[in-house]
C-alpha atoms as a PDB file:
ATOM      1  CA  MET A   1     130.373 235.947 201.602  1.00  0.00           C
ATOM      2  CA  ALA A   2     132.576 236.442 198.571  1.00  0.00           C
ATOM      3  CA  THR A   3     136.317 236.790 198.943  1.00  0.00           C
ATOM      4  CA  LYS A   4     136.248 240.225 197.284  1.00  0.00           C
ATOM      5  CA  GLU A   5     133.819 241.462 199.926  1.00  0.00           C
ATOM      6  CA  LEU A   6     136.018 240.108 202.707  1.00  0.00           C
ATOM      7  CA  ARG A   7     139.145 241.745 201.283  1.00  0.00           C
ATOM      8  CA  ALA A   8     137.366 245.114 201.286  1.00  0.00           C
ATOM      9  CA  LYS A   9     136.706 244.915 205.039  1.00  0.00           C
ATOM     10  CA  SER A  10     138.967 246.319 207.715  1.00  0.00           C
ATOM     11  CA  GLN A  11     140.769 244.180 210.284  1.00  0.00           C
ATOM     12  CA  GLU A  12     138.159 245.033 212.949  1.00  0.00           C
ATOM     13  CA  GLU A  13     135.288 244.083 210.646  1.00  0.00           C
ATOM     14  CA  LEU A  14     137.003 240.790 209.848  1.00  0.00           C
ATOM     15  CA  THR A  15     137.385 240.069 213.560  1.00  0.00           C
ATOM     16  CA  LYS A  16     133.677 240.716 214.097  1.00  0.00           C
ATOM     17  CA  GLU A  17     132.807 238.505 211.121  1.00  0.00           C
ATOM     18  CA  LEU A  18     134.990 235.730 212.536  1.00  0.00           C
ATOM     19  CA  LEU A  19     133.266 235.992 215.909  1.00  0.00           C
ATOM     20  CA  ASP A  20     129.838 235.757 214.263  1.00  0.00           C
ATOM     21  CA  LEU A  21     130.918 232.721 212.251  1.00  0.00           C
ATOM     22  CA  ARG A  22     132.284 230.984 215.351  1.00  0.00           C
ATOM     23  CA  LYS A  23     128.952 231.552 217.119  1.00  0.00           C
ATOM     24  CA  ALA A  24     127.120 230.106 214.112  1.00  0.00           C
ATOM     25  CA  GLN A  25     129.460 227.116 214.096  1.00  0.00           C
ATOM     26  CA  PHE A  26     128.833 226.486 217.785  1.00  0.00           C
ATOM     27  CA  SER A  27     125.089 226.694 217.251  1.00  0.00           C
ATOM     28  CA  LEU A  28     125.258 224.219 214.376  1.00  0.00           C
ATOM     29  CA  ARG A  29     127.376 221.818 216.426  1.00  0.00           C
ATOM     30  CA  MET A  30     124.833 221.916 219.249  1.00  0.00           C
ATOM     31  CA  GLN A  31     121.996 221.280 216.792  1.00  0.00           C
ATOM     32  CA  SER A  32     123.945 218.357 215.375  1.00  0.00           C
ATOM     33  CA  ALA A  33     124.581 216.901 218.824  1.00  0.00           C
ATOM     34  CA  THR A  34     120.887 217.058 219.714  1.00  0.00           C
ATOM     35  CA  GLN A  35     119.802 215.588 216.353  1.00  0.00           C
ATOM     36  CA  GLN A  36     118.037 218.817 215.323  1.00  0.00           C
ATOM     37  CA  LEU A  37     120.291 219.703 212.374  1.00  0.00           C
ATOM     38  CA  THR A  38     118.650 218.778 209.085  1.00  0.00           C
ATOM     39  CA  ASN A  39     121.163 220.238 206.622  1.00  0.00           C
ATOM     40  CA  THR A  40     124.545 218.911 207.717  1.00  0.00           C
ATOM     41  CA  SER A  41     126.367 220.614 204.837  1.00  0.00           C
ATOM     42  CA  GLN A  42     126.015 223.912 206.716  1.00  0.00           C
ATOM     43  CA  LEU A  43     128.774 222.802 209.090  1.00  0.00           C
ATOM     44  CA  GLY A  44     131.277 222.491 206.250  1.00  0.00           C
ATOM     45  CA  LYS A  45     130.229 225.785 204.699  1.00  0.00           C
ATOM     46  CA  VAL A  46     130.708 227.678 207.957  1.00  0.00           C
ATOM     47  CA  ARG A  47     134.042 225.986 208.558  1.00  0.00           C
ATOM     48  CA  LYS A  48     135.285 227.013 205.100  1.00  0.00           C
ATOM     49  CA  GLU A  49     134.051 230.568 205.607  1.00  0.00           C
ATOM     50  CA  ILE A  50     135.991 230.747 208.894  1.00  0.00           C
ATOM     51  CA  ALA A  51     139.102 229.580 207.039  1.00  0.00           C
ATOM     52  CA  ARG A  52     138.580 232.284 204.391  1.00  0.00           C
ATOM     53  CA  VAL A  53     138.317 235.027 206.990  1.00  0.00           C
ATOM     54  CA  LYS A  54     141.391 233.793 208.866  1.00  0.00           C
ATOM     55  CA  THR A  55     143.384 233.600 205.626  1.00  0.00           C
ATOM     56  CA  ILE A  56     142.506 237.161 204.665  1.00  0.00           C
ATOM     57  CA  GLN A  57     143.324 238.351 208.201  1.00  0.00           C
ATOM     58  CA  SER A  58     146.775 236.792 207.963  1.00  0.00           C
ATOM     59  CA  GLU A  59     147.339 238.258 204.495  1.00  0.00           C
ATOM     60  CA  LYS A  60     146.455 241.728 205.782  1.00  0.00           C
ATOM     61  CA  GLY A  61     148.742 241.179 208.780  1.00  0.00           C
ATOM     62  CA  ARG A  62     151.671 240.281 206.549  1.00  0.00           C
ATOM     63  CA  ALA A  63     151.041 243.291 204.303  1.00  0.00           C
ATOM     64  CA  LYS A  64     151.594 245.706 207.192  1.00  0.00           C
END
């Protein structure tokens, strides 16, 4: 998801997005542990997306 789209979301929507990304990360880690993950770059992409959401959440928190 693009940064502009994330900035347009409310704090609650960002929290939901973060929860969904954490679930996806867990699923990918389990697939990796059981040797079922074929595209290992997905782990890094999800991790970076989580960092983006957390950064925007903190920026919105400081703005208030």
